[in-house]
Amino acid sequence: MTRLNIVLLIAVIASALYLVRTQYESRRLFVEVEKELALGRKMDIDRDRLEVEKRAQATPLRVEKLAKDQLQMRGATPAVTQYVRMAQAPSSAAQGARP
């Protein structure tokens, strides 16, 4: 009977230690998951902020200002526009005379 009690006591102690280890591992993994979720939320916020900045940088007024200031470009007006005319294509009668 004493052997049975010792075996059962060892089994209870082993299962208690296993339970403590399992609970510790579960808590550690839960904390890791929470950290990753918080990081994901932070990245979503950063992405949204960057999208807003991107839209603000691409406004037509800002692009025009940068083109004028940094690239020394100017608006196209009839005074600075050059028109190019294409040469007329040969007529079909002239093409028929060719060999």
PDB file of N, CA and C in Angstrom:
ATOM      1  N   MET A   1       0.823  -1.185   0.000  1.00  0.00           N
ATOM      2  CA  MET A   1       0.000   0.000   0.000  1.00  0.00           C
ATOM      3  C   MET A   1       0.877   1.264   0.000  1.00  0.00           C
ATOM      4  N   THR A   2       1.984   1.233   0.687  1.00  0.00           N
ATOM      5  CA  THR A   2       2.858   2.386   0.748  1.00  0.00           C
ATOM      6  C   THR A   2       3.461   2.667  -0.625  1.00  0.00           C
ATOM      7  N   ARG A   3       3.768   1.628  -1.358  1.00  0.00           N
ATOM      8  CA  ARG A   3       4.306   1.828  -2.710  1.00  0.00           C
ATOM      9  C   ARG A   3       3.275   2.524  -3.588  1.00  0.00           C
ATOM     10  N   LEU A   4       2.059   2.108  -3.493  1.00  0.00           N
ATOM     11  CA  LEU A   4       0.990   2.720  -4.286  1.00  0.00           C
ATOM     12  C   LEU A   4       0.853   4.194  -3.918  1.00  0.00           C
ATOM     13  N   ASN A   5       0.920   4.509  -2.608  1.00  0.00           N
ATOM     14  CA  ASN A   5       0.813   5.905  -2.168  1.00  0.00           C
ATOM     15  C   ASN A   5       1.982   6.729  -2.695  1.00  0.00           C
ATOM     16  N   ILE A   6       3.181   6.181  -2.681  1.00  0.00           N
ATOM     17  CA  ILE A   6       4.355   6.900  -3.174  1.00  0.00           C
ATOM     18  C   ILE A   6       4.234   7.132  -4.681  1.00  0.00           C
ATOM     19  N   VAL A   7       3.810   6.119  -5.416  1.00  0.00           N
ATOM     20  CA  VAL A   7       3.631   6.255  -6.866  1.00  0.00           C
ATOM     21  C   VAL A   7       2.565   7.309  -7.165  1.00  0.00           C
ATOM     22  N   LEU A   8       1.474   7.269  -6.438  1.00  0.00           N
ATOM     23  CA  LEU A   8       0.413   8.255  -6.647  1.00  0.00           C
ATOM     24  C   LEU A   8       0.886   9.662  -6.274  1.00  0.00           C
ATOM     25  N   LEU A   9       1.675   9.792  -5.182  1.00  0.00           N
ATOM     26  CA  LEU A   9       2.199  11.090  -4.776  1.00  0.00           C
ATOM     27  C   LEU A   9       3.135  11.647  -5.855  1.00  0.00           C
ATOM     28  N   ILE A  10       3.984  10.804  -6.392  1.00  0.00           N
ATOM     29  CA  ILE A  10       4.884  11.225  -7.473  1.00  0.00           C
ATOM     30  C   ILE A  10       4.077  11.639  -8.706  1.00  0.00           C
ATOM     31  N   ALA A  11       3.034  10.894  -9.032  1.00  0.00           N
ATOM     32  CA  ALA A  11       2.189  11.229 -10.182  1.00  0.00           C
ATOM     33  C   ALA A  11       1.492  12.574  -9.976  1.00  0.00           C
ATOM     34  N   VAL A  12       1.010  12.824  -8.764  1.00  0.00           N
ATOM     35  CA  VAL A  12       0.328  14.092  -8.467  1.00  0.00           C
ATOM     36  C   VAL A  12       1.328  15.248  -8.561  1.00  0.00           C
ATOM     37  N   ILE A  13       2.516  15.072  -7.992  1.00  0.00           N
ATOM     38  CA  ILE A  13       3.531  16.132  -8.052  1.00  0.00           C
ATOM     39  C   ILE A  13       3.942  16.393  -9.505  1.00  0.00           C
ATOM     40  N   ALA A  14       4.140  15.344 -10.290  1.00  0.00           N
ATOM     41  CA  ALA A  14       4.526  15.497 -11.694  1.00  0.00           C
ATOM     42  C   ALA A  14       3.432  16.215 -12.473  1.00  0.00           C
ATOM     43  N   SER A  15       2.171  15.845 -12.241  1.00  0.00           N
ATOM     44  CA  SER A  15       1.086  16.511 -12.966  1.00  0.00           C
ATOM     45  C   SER A  15       0.941  17.968 -12.519  1.00  0.00           C
ATOM     46  N   ALA A  16       1.182  18.266 -11.239  1.00  0.00           N
ATOM     47  CA  ALA A  16       1.120  19.652 -10.752  1.00  0.00           C
ATOM     48  C   ALA A  16       2.217  20.487 -11.391  1.00  0.00           C
ATOM     49  N   LEU A  17       3.434  19.950 -11.477  1.00  0.00           N
ATOM     50  CA  LEU A  17       4.534  20.669 -12.116  1.00  0.00           C
ATOM     51  C   LEU A  17       4.254  20.887 -13.602  1.00  0.00           C
ATOM     52  N   TYR A  18       3.700  19.874 -14.242  1.00  0.00           N
ATOM     53  CA  TYR A  18       3.355  20.010 -15.659  1.00  0.00           C
ATOM     54  C   TYR A  18       2.286  21.084 -15.855  1.00  0.00           C
ATOM     55  N   LEU A  19       1.306  21.126 -14.951  1.00  0.00           N
ATOM     56  CA  LEU A  19       0.242  22.125 -15.023  1.00  0.00           C
ATOM     57  C   LEU A  19       0.810  23.530 -14.847  1.00  0.00           C
ATOM     58  N   VAL A  20       1.709  23.710 -13.882  1.00  0.00           N
ATOM     59  CA  VAL A  20       2.325  25.021 -13.660  1.00  0.00           C
ATOM     60  C   VAL A  20       3.113  25.441 -14.893  1.00  0.00           C
ATOM     61  N   ARG A  21       3.884  24.524 -15.458  1.00  0.00           N
ATOM     62  CA  ARG A  21       4.672  24.830 -16.659  1.00  0.00           C
ATOM     63  C   ARG A  21       3.758  25.200 -17.829  1.00  0.00           C
ATOM     64  N   THR A  22       2.677  24.487 -18.004  1.00  0.00           N
ATOM     65  CA  THR A  22       1.735  24.755 -19.089  1.00  0.00           C
ATOM     66  C   THR A  22       1.072  26.123 -18.921  1.00  0.00           C
ATOM     67  N   GLN A  23       0.688  26.458 -17.698  1.00  0.00           N
ATOM     68  CA  GLN A  23       0.073  27.763 -17.460  1.00  0.00           C
ATOM     69  C   GLN A  23       1.068  28.897 -17.721  1.00  0.00           C
ATOM     70  N   TYR A  24       2.310  28.710 -17.303  1.00  0.00           N
ATOM     71  CA  TYR A  24       3.333  29.718 -17.554  1.00  0.00           C
ATOM     72  C   TYR A  24       3.533  29.922 -19.054  1.00  0.00           C
ATOM     73  N   GLU A  25       3.637  28.830 -19.782  1.00  0.00           N
ATOM     74  CA  GLU A  25       3.823  28.916 -21.233  1.00  0.00           C
ATOM     75  C   GLU A  25       2.614  29.587 -21.891  1.00  0.00           C
ATOM     76  N   SER A  26       1.426  29.277 -21.416  1.00  0.00           N
ATOM     77  CA  SER A  26       0.209  29.880 -21.957  1.00  0.00           C
ATOM     78  C   SER A  26       0.212  31.392 -21.729  1.00  0.00           C
ATOM     79  N   ARG A  27       0.583  31.825 -20.546  1.00  0.00           N
ATOM     80  CA  ARG A  27       0.635  33.266 -20.258  1.00  0.00           C
ATOM     81  C   ARG A  27       1.691  33.958 -21.101  1.00  0.00           C
ATOM     82  N   ARG A  28       2.846  33.315 -21.260  1.00  0.00           N
ATOM     83  CA  ARG A  28       3.911  33.894 -22.069  1.00  0.00           C
ATOM     84  C   ARG A  28       3.454  34.069 -23.519  1.00  0.00           C
ATOM     85  N   LEU A  29       2.786  33.055 -24.049  1.00  0.00           N
ATOM     86  CA  LEU A  29       2.300  33.142 -25.433  1.00  0.00           C
ATOM     87  C   LEU A  29       1.206  34.197 -25.573  1.00  0.00           C
ATOM     88  N   PHE A  30       0.352  34.320 -24.557  1.00  0.00           N
ATOM     89  CA  PHE A  30      -0.699  35.332 -24.589  1.00  0.00           C
ATOM     90  C   PHE A  30      -0.091  36.734 -24.631  1.00  0.00           C
ATOM     91  N   VAL A  31       0.935  36.962 -23.826  1.00  0.00           N
ATOM     92  CA  VAL A  31       1.608  38.265 -23.816  1.00  0.00           C
ATOM     93  C   VAL A  31       2.239  38.537 -25.179  1.00  0.00           C
ATOM     94  N   GLU A  32       2.841  37.530 -25.791  1.00  0.00           N
ATOM     95  CA  GLU A  32       3.432  37.690 -27.125  1.00  0.00           C
ATOM     96  C   GLU A  32       2.374  38.063 -28.160  1.00  0.00           C
ATOM     97  N   VAL A  33       1.240  37.378 -28.100  1.00  0.00           N
ATOM     98  CA  VAL A  33       0.153  37.671 -29.046  1.00  0.00           C
ATOM     99  C   VAL A  33      -0.338  39.105 -28.858  1.00  0.00           C
ATOM    100  N   GLU A  34      -0.490  39.539 -27.635  1.00  0.00           N
ATOM    101  CA  GLU A  34      -0.940  40.907 -27.372  1.00  0.00           C
ATOM    102  C   GLU A  34       0.064  41.936 -27.890  1.00  0.00           C
ATOM    103  N   LYS A  35       1.349  41.651 -27.709  1.00  0.00           N
ATOM    104  CA  LYS A  35       2.378  42.567 -28.232  1.00  0.00           C
ATOM    105  C   LYS A  35       2.295  42.666 -29.744  1.00  0.00           C
ATOM    106  N   GLU A  36       2.126  41.537 -30.414  1.00  0.00           N
ATOM    107  CA  GLU A  36       2.050  41.529 -31.880  1.00  0.00           C
ATOM    108  C   GLU A  36       0.790  42.235 -32.371  1.00  0.00           C
ATOM    109  N   LEU A  37      -0.320  42.056 -31.655  1.00  0.00           N
ATOM    110  CA  LEU A  37      -1.545  42.765 -32.034  1.00  0.00           C
ATOM    111  C   LEU A  37      -1.374  44.273 -31.877  1.00  0.00           C
ATOM    112  N   ALA A  38      -0.714  44.690 -30.795  1.00  0.00           N
ATOM    113  CA  ALA A  38      -0.462  46.119 -30.595  1.00  0.00           C
ATOM    114  C   ALA A  38       0.444  46.656 -31.700  1.00  0.00           C
ATOM    115  N   LEU A  39       1.454  45.882 -32.078  1.00  0.00           N
ATOM    116  CA  LEU A  39       2.339  46.295 -33.165  1.00  0.00           C
ATOM    117  C   LEU A  39       1.563  46.407 -34.481  1.00  0.00           C
ATOM    118  N   GLY A  40       0.663  45.460 -34.733  1.00  0.00           N
ATOM    119  CA  GLY A  40      -0.171  45.509 -35.937  1.00  0.00           C
ATOM    120  C   GLY A  40      -1.048  46.750 -35.967  1.00  0.00           C
ATOM    121  N   ARG A  41      -1.646  47.090 -34.821  1.00  0.00           N
ATOM    122  CA  ARG A  41      -2.474  48.302 -34.751  1.00  0.00           C
ATOM    123  C   ARG A  41      -1.627  49.549 -35.001  1.00  0.00           C
ATOM    124  N   LYS A  42      -0.415  49.576 -34.431  1.00  0.00           N
ATOM    125  CA  LYS A  42       0.476  50.714 -34.637  1.00  0.00           C
ATOM    126  C   LYS A  42       0.852  50.840 -36.113  1.00  0.00           C
ATOM    127  N   MET A  43       1.097  49.718 -36.771  1.00  0.00           N
ATOM    128  CA  MET A  43       1.449  49.748 -38.191  1.00  0.00           C
ATOM    129  C   MET A  43       0.268  50.211 -39.032  1.00  0.00           C
ATOM    130  N   ASP A  44      -0.946  49.815 -38.668  1.00  0.00           N
ATOM    131  CA  ASP A  44      -2.132  50.297 -39.381  1.00  0.00           C
ATOM    132  C   ASP A  44      -2.269  51.817 -39.257  1.00  0.00           C
ATOM    133  N   ILE A  45      -2.023  52.327 -38.059  1.00  0.00           N
ATOM    134  CA  ILE A  45      -2.106  53.773 -37.838  1.00  0.00           C
ATOM    135  C   ILE A  45      -1.039  54.486 -38.664  1.00  0.00           C
ATOM    136  N   ASP A  46       0.172  53.941 -38.678  1.00  0.00           N
ATOM    137  CA  ASP A  46       1.253  54.544 -39.470  1.00  0.00           C
ATOM    138  C   ASP A  46       0.917  54.526 -40.960  1.00  0.00           C
ATOM    139  N   ARG A  47       0.348  53.413 -41.440  1.00  0.00           N
ATOM    140  CA  ARG A  47      -0.017  53.333 -42.859  1.00  0.00           C
ATOM    141  C   ARG A  47      -1.069  54.383 -43.205  1.00  0.00           C
ATOM    142  N   ASP A  48      -2.066  54.532 -42.339  1.00  0.00           N
ATOM    143  CA  ASP A  48      -3.099  55.543 -42.587  1.00  0.00           C
ATOM    144  C   ASP A  48      -2.501  56.945 -42.597  1.00  0.00           C
ATOM    145  N   ARG A  49      -1.587  57.212 -41.664  1.00  0.00           N
ATOM    146  CA  ARG A  49      -0.944  58.523 -41.602  1.00  0.00           C
ATOM    147  C   ARG A  49      -0.126  58.786 -42.868  1.00  0.00           C
ATOM    148  N   LEU A  50       0.575  57.764 -43.329  1.00  0.00           N
ATOM    149  CA  LEU A  50       1.373  57.927 -44.548  1.00  0.00           C
ATOM    150  C   LEU A  50       0.496  58.119 -45.783  1.00  0.00           C
ATOM    151  N   GLU A  51      -0.649  57.470 -45.826  1.00  0.00           N
ATOM    152  CA  GLU A  51      -1.585  57.672 -46.938  1.00  0.00           C
ATOM    153  C   GLU A  51      -2.072  59.115 -46.966  1.00  0.00           C
ATOM    154  N   VAL A  52      -2.367  59.669 -45.791  1.00  0.00           N
ATOM    155  CA  VAL A  52      -2.814  61.063 -45.715  1.00  0.00           C
ATOM    156  C   VAL A  52      -1.697  61.991 -46.178  1.00  0.00           C
ATOM    157  N   GLU A  53      -0.459  61.728 -45.729  1.00  0.00           N
ATOM    158  CA  GLU A  53       0.669  62.549 -46.164  1.00  0.00           C
ATOM    159  C   GLU A  53       0.890  62.448 -47.676  1.00  0.00           C
ATOM    160  N   LYS A  54       0.725  61.253 -48.209  1.00  0.00           N
ATOM    161  CA  LYS A  54       0.897  61.044 -49.652  1.00  0.00           C
ATOM    162  C   LYS A  54      -0.124  61.868 -50.432  1.00  0.00           C
ATOM    163  N   ARG A  55      -1.376  61.829 -49.987  1.00  0.00           N
ATOM    164  CA  ARG A  55      -2.404  62.618 -50.671  1.00  0.00           C
ATOM    165  C   ARG A  55      -2.112  64.109 -50.556  1.00  0.00           C
ATOM    166  N   ALA A  56      -1.596  64.541 -49.406  1.00  0.00           N
ATOM    167  CA  ALA A  56      -1.287  65.961 -49.221  1.00  0.00           C
ATOM    168  C   ALA A  56      -0.131  66.384 -50.113  1.00  0.00           C
ATOM    169  N   GLN A  57       0.831  65.511 -50.342  1.00  0.00           N
ATOM    170  CA  GLN A  57       1.992  65.848 -51.170  1.00  0.00           C
ATOM    171  C   GLN A  57       1.636  65.903 -52.648  1.00  0.00           C
ATOM    172  N   ALA A  58       0.594  65.222 -53.057  1.00  0.00           N
ATOM    173  CA  ALA A  58       0.275  65.108 -54.484  1.00  0.00           C
ATOM    174  C   ALA A  58      -0.827  66.064 -54.929  1.00  0.00           C
ATOM    175  N   THR A  59      -1.091  67.112 -54.183  1.00  0.00           N
ATOM    176  CA  THR A  59      -2.113  68.056 -54.614  1.00  0.00           C
ATOM    177  C   THR A  59      -1.602  68.823 -55.833  1.00  0.00           C
ATOM    178  N   PRO A  60      -2.475  69.149 -56.772  1.00  0.00           N
ATOM    179  CA  PRO A  60      -2.046  69.855 -57.983  1.00  0.00           C
ATOM    180  C   PRO A  60      -1.344  71.181 -57.691  1.00  0.00           C
ATOM    181  N   LEU A  61      -1.808  71.899 -56.689  1.00  0.00           N
ATOM    182  CA  LEU A  61      -1.204  73.190 -56.361  1.00  0.00           C
ATOM    183  C   LEU A  61       0.240  73.000 -55.886  1.00  0.00           C
ATOM    184  N   ARG A  62       0.479  71.997 -55.061  1.00  0.00           N
ATOM    185  CA  ARG A  62       1.830  71.736 -54.556  1.00  0.00           C
ATOM    186  C   ARG A  62       2.755  71.274 -55.691  1.00  0.00           C
ATOM    187  N   VAL A  63       2.237  70.410 -56.563  1.00  0.00           N
ATOM    188  CA  VAL A  63       3.052  69.933 -57.691  1.00  0.00           C
ATOM    189  C   VAL A  63       3.432  71.098 -58.593  1.00  0.00           C
ATOM    190  N   GLU A  64       2.489  71.992 -58.853  1.00  0.00           N
ATOM    191  CA  GLU A  64       2.772  73.153 -59.694  1.00  0.00           C
ATOM    192  C   GLU A  64       3.804  74.070 -59.040  1.00  0.00           C
ATOM    193  N   LYS A  65       3.676  74.268 -57.736  1.00  0.00           N
ATOM    194  CA  LYS A  65       4.633  75.117 -57.020  1.00  0.00           C
ATOM    195  C   LYS A  65       6.034  74.508 -57.072  1.00  0.00           C
ATOM    196  N   LEU A  66       6.151  73.201 -56.861  1.00  0.00           N
ATOM    197  CA  LEU A  66       7.460  72.547 -56.932  1.00  0.00           C
ATOM    198  C   LEU A  66       8.042  72.626 -58.341  1.00  0.00           C
ATOM    199  N   ALA A  67       7.192  72.463 -59.344  1.00  0.00           N
ATOM    200  CA  ALA A  67       7.666  72.546 -60.729  1.00  0.00           C
ATOM    201  C   ALA A  67       8.214  73.935 -61.033  1.00  0.00           C
ATOM    202  N   LYS A  68       7.556  74.954 -60.538  1.00  0.00           N
ATOM    203  CA  LYS A  68       8.023  76.322 -60.778  1.00  0.00           C
ATOM    204  C   LYS A  68       9.291  76.622 -59.983  1.00  0.00           C
ATOM    205  N   ASP A  69       9.283  76.255 -58.694  1.00  0.00           N
ATOM    206  CA  ASP A  69      10.397  76.630 -57.820  1.00  0.00           C
ATOM    207  C   ASP A  69      11.648  75.790 -58.072  1.00  0.00           C
ATOM    208  N   GLN A  70      11.510  74.484 -58.086  1.00  0.00           N
ATOM    209  CA  GLN A  70      12.690  73.623 -58.150  1.00  0.00           C
ATOM    210  C   GLN A  70      13.126  73.301 -59.571  1.00  0.00           C
ATOM    211  N   LEU A  71      12.180  73.181 -60.481  1.00  0.00           N
ATOM    212  CA  LEU A  71      12.524  72.800 -61.851  1.00  0.00           C
ATOM    213  C   LEU A  71      12.512  73.975 -62.821  1.00  0.00           C
ATOM    214  N   GLN A  72      12.198  75.166 -62.329  1.00  0.00           N
ATOM    215  CA  GLN A  72      12.119  76.380 -63.139  1.00  0.00           C
ATOM    216  C   GLN A  72      11.220  76.174 -64.369  1.00  0.00           C
ATOM    217  N   MET A  73      10.117  75.506 -64.184  1.00  0.00           N
ATOM    218  CA  MET A  73       9.167  75.303 -65.282  1.00  0.00           C
ATOM    219  C   MET A  73       8.171  76.458 -65.272  1.00  0.00           C
ATOM    220  N   ARG A  74       7.514  76.660 -66.383  1.00  0.00           N
ATOM    221  CA  ARG A  74       6.500  77.698 -66.468  1.00  0.00           C
ATOM    222  C   ARG A  74       5.297  77.145 -67.215  1.00  0.00           C
ATOM    223  N   GLY A  75       4.199  77.801 -67.045  1.00  0.00           N
ATOM    224  CA  GLY A  75       2.976  77.361 -67.686  1.00  0.00           C
ATOM    225  C   GLY A  75       3.020  77.560 -69.194  1.00  0.00           C
ATOM    226  N   ALA A  76       2.316  76.725 -69.905  1.00  0.00           N
ATOM    227  CA  ALA A  76       2.279  76.840 -71.373  1.00  0.00           C
ATOM    228  C   ALA A  76       1.255  77.902 -71.757  1.00  0.00           C
ATOM    229  N   THR A  77       1.715  78.879 -72.519  1.00  0.00           N
ATOM    230  CA  THR A  77       0.826  79.932 -73.016  1.00  0.00           C
ATOM    231  C   THR A  77       0.953  79.950 -74.536  1.00  0.00           C
ATOM    232  N   PRO A  78       0.021  80.545 -75.231  1.00  0.00           N
ATOM    233  CA  PRO A  78       0.135  80.616 -76.692  1.00  0.00           C
ATOM    234  C   PRO A  78       1.403  81.320 -77.150  1.00  0.00           C
ATOM    235  N   ALA A  79       1.944  82.195 -76.338  1.00  0.00           N
ATOM    236  CA  ALA A  79       3.153  82.938 -76.729  1.00  0.00           C
ATOM    237  C   ALA A  79       4.379  82.039 -76.763  1.00  0.00           C
ATOM    238  N   VAL A  80       4.408  80.971 -75.959  1.00  0.00           N
ATOM    239  CA  VAL A  80       5.595  80.107 -75.909  1.00  0.00           C
ATOM    240  C   VAL A  80       5.323  78.738 -76.523  1.00  0.00           C
ATOM    241  N   THR A  81       4.179  78.574 -77.131  1.00  0.00           N
ATOM    242  CA  THR A  81       3.823  77.287 -77.716  1.00  0.00           C
ATOM    243  C   THR A  81       4.264  77.238 -79.164  1.00  0.00           C
ATOM    244  N   GLN A  82       4.906  76.181 -79.563  1.00  0.00           N
ATOM    245  CA  GLN A  82       5.319  75.995 -80.947  1.00  0.00           C
ATOM    246  C   GLN A  82       4.485  74.864 -81.530  1.00  0.00           C
ATOM    247  N   TYR A  83       3.879  75.131 -82.663  1.00  0.00           N
ATOM    248  CA  TYR A  83       3.048  74.139 -83.319  1.00  0.00           C
ATOM    249  C   TYR A  83       3.839  73.494 -84.448  1.00  0.00           C
ATOM    250  N   VAL A  84       3.761  72.213 -84.581  1.00  0.00           N
ATOM    251  CA  VAL A  84       4.479  71.479 -85.622  1.00  0.00           C
ATOM    252  C   VAL A  84       3.432  70.881 -86.545  1.00  0.00           C
ATOM    253  N   ARG A  85       3.635  71.065 -87.849  1.00  0.00           N
ATOM    254  CA  ARG A  85       2.691  70.509 -88.812  1.00  0.00           C
ATOM    255  C   ARG A  85       3.322  69.295 -89.465  1.00  0.00           C
ATOM    256  N   MET A  86       2.524  68.295 -89.677  1.00  0.00           N
ATOM    257  CA  MET A  86       3.013  67.086 -90.344  1.00  0.00           C
ATOM    258  C   MET A  86       2.978  67.320 -91.857  1.00  0.00           C
ATOM    259  N   ALA A  87       3.944  66.754 -92.546  1.00  0.00           N
ATOM    260  CA  ALA A  87       3.940  66.846 -94.011  1.00  0.00           C
ATOM    261  C   ALA A  87       2.762  66.039 -94.526  1.00  0.00           C
ATOM    262  N   GLN A  88       2.179  66.492 -95.613  1.00  0.00           N
ATOM    263  CA  GLN A  88       1.016  65.775 -96.151  1.00  0.00           C
ATOM    264  C   GLN A  88       1.483  64.465 -96.746  1.00  0.00           C
ATOM    265  N   ALA A  89       0.664  63.448 -96.585  1.00  0.00           N
ATOM    266  CA  ALA A  89       0.964  62.123 -97.156  1.00  0.00           C
ATOM    267  C   ALA A  89       0.757  62.191 -98.651  1.00  0.00           C
ATOM    268  N   PRO A  90       1.539  61.437 -99.418  1.00  0.00           N
ATOM    269  CA  PRO A  90       1.369  61.451-100.877  1.00  0.00           C
ATOM    270  C   PRO A  90      -0.043  60.997-101.248  1.00  0.00           C
ATOM    271  N   SER A  91      -0.573  61.558-102.331  1.00  0.00           N
ATOM    272  CA  SER A  91      -1.932  61.221-102.738  1.00  0.00           C
ATOM    273  C   SER A  91      -1.960  59.802-103.294  1.00  0.00           C
ATOM    274  N   SER A  92      -3.118  59.221-103.353  1.00  0.00           N
ATOM    275  CA  SER A  92      -3.242  57.836-103.824  1.00  0.00           C
ATOM    276  C   SER A  92      -2.919  57.720-105.309  1.00  0.00           C
ATOM    277  N   ALA A  93      -3.122  58.789-106.117  1.00  0.00           N
ATOM    278  CA  ALA A  93      -2.777  58.749-107.537  1.00  0.00           C
ATOM    279  C   ALA A  93      -1.266  58.643-107.723  1.00  0.00           C
ATOM    280  N   ALA A  94      -0.526  59.374-106.871  1.00  0.00           N
ATOM    281  CA  ALA A  94       0.938  59.334-106.977  1.00  0.00           C
ATOM    282  C   ALA A  94       1.458  57.982-106.523  1.00  0.00           C
ATOM    283  N   GLN A  95       0.782  57.347-105.584  1.00  0.00           N
ATOM    284  CA  GLN A  95       1.230  56.038-105.103  1.00  0.00           C
ATOM    285  C   GLN A  95       0.987  54.974-106.161  1.00  0.00           C
ATOM    286  N   GLY A  96      -0.078  55.108-106.973  1.00  0.00           N
ATOM    287  CA  GLY A  96      -0.402  54.132-108.013  1.00  0.00           C
ATOM    288  C   GLY A  96       0.610  54.170-109.134  1.00  0.00           C
ATOM    289  N   ALA A  97       1.275  55.287-109.339  1.00  0.00           N
ATOM    290  CA  ALA A  97       2.263  55.416-110.428  1.00  0.00           C
ATOM    291  C   ALA A  97       3.573  54.736-110.070  1.00  0.00           C
ATOM    292  N   ARG A  98       3.794  54.473-108.819  1.00  0.00           N
ATOM    293  CA  ARG A  98       5.051  53.822-108.417  1.00  0.00           C
ATOM    294  C   ARG A  98       5.033  52.354-108.787  1.00  0.00           C
ATOM    295  N   PRO A  99       6.215  51.795-109.140  1.00  0.00           N
ATOM    296  CA  PRO A  99       6.267  50.359-109.502  1.00  0.00           C
ATOM    297  C   PRO A  99       6.158  49.463-108.319  1.00  0.00           C
TER     298      PRO A  99
END
